[in-house]
Amino acid sequence: MDLSIVVPAYEEAASLPELVAELHTVCRQQAWTYEVWIVDDGSRDDTWATIAQLHAEDRRVAGIRLRRNYGKSAALAAGFDHARGRYVATLDADLQDDPHELPALIAKLEEGYDLVSGWKRKRQDPLSKTLPSRFFNRVTRIVSGLPLHDFNCGLKVYRREVVEHVTLYGELHRYIPLLAKWEGFDRITEVEVQHRPRQHGQTKFGLERFIRGFLDLISVVFLTRFAARPMHFFGGLGTLSFLAGLGISLYLTLDKVIYGNYIGDRPLLLLGLLMILFGAQMFTTGLLGEMIISRRMEEEGAYEVAEAHTVSVREAA
């Protein structure tokens, strides 16, 4: 199968028939073999009934209904688990992502990229969404080192092996490019896409998503940079804190011995002791993390082979 299309949907019953009709049109024009997986993320409207009707009309449309509203990351993960296509595309169900952009994104993917992300350069959203989004994307770009302008664009295409190796939970769907890069799929680019105004319903996201987004960014940066070497993070932080506390304590000791100054009521003494204790705790945390990672590596292995050319026993002889 050429293409699997994953559509997370939360209370988008009014949008789905038009979206699926557009997807059929685009895929037929390109002569793709395809499937459409619509994941109902615990909707309380007629989304599931609409999916069932679309499935009855065309078996290439399939549906997954989650027991409750788990969030977009879980919905995408469910779709990825069922996708069978050589390429996997994602887009939102609210009709703001244009299915007619898919051929351009897949053409870019076929140039050798692992992941192609859409860039909604001209967003059809109010300033209350666009300004925080621009700030969020700028910070993410600086922290992650990935030169993407729109990390949160729902319109993306992947090689199948990318979605097979990316683990999604919480709100990590915003950082799929960063997670893919961590797994070794670093051929990532973006294509400018059209962003359409919302036609039905209201947005499901509020300003609180940006707070969660920044917290998740910290988590992702830690996971991608230090998950396999926690001692580098905790040990480094602990060493700096311990040395700083030791320096403070040494200074106070010399002040007491040489100048005879009373140091028992000085806040600096308490700070030095706290920094020594904090440093020791961080160093111990790093050691415990290394022990856990070591055991996991023994069970799972320290690496994963993408492909290999082997030597036959007969040729070696």
Foldseek 3Di string as FASTA:
>chain_A
DAEEEEEEDAPLLVQQVVVVVQLVVQCVVVVHDYAYEYEYQAHPDCNVVSQVVVCVVPVSYHYHYDPHRFDDQVSVLVSLVPDDHQKYWYAYRQCQARSNCVVVQVVVVVVPAFKEAEDAPPAPDDPQPPVLQQVLQVVLCVLLVDPDRHLPHRTMMGGSVLSVPARTHDHCSSPSQSSSVLQVRPRYYYDYGGTDDGDDDDDPDDPVVSVVVVVVSVVSSCCSPPQLQLCVPLLVQLVVLQVVLVVLVVVVVCCCVVVVDDCPPPVSNVSSVVSNVSSVVSNVVRVVSNVVSVVVCVVPNPHDDPDDDDDDPVVVD
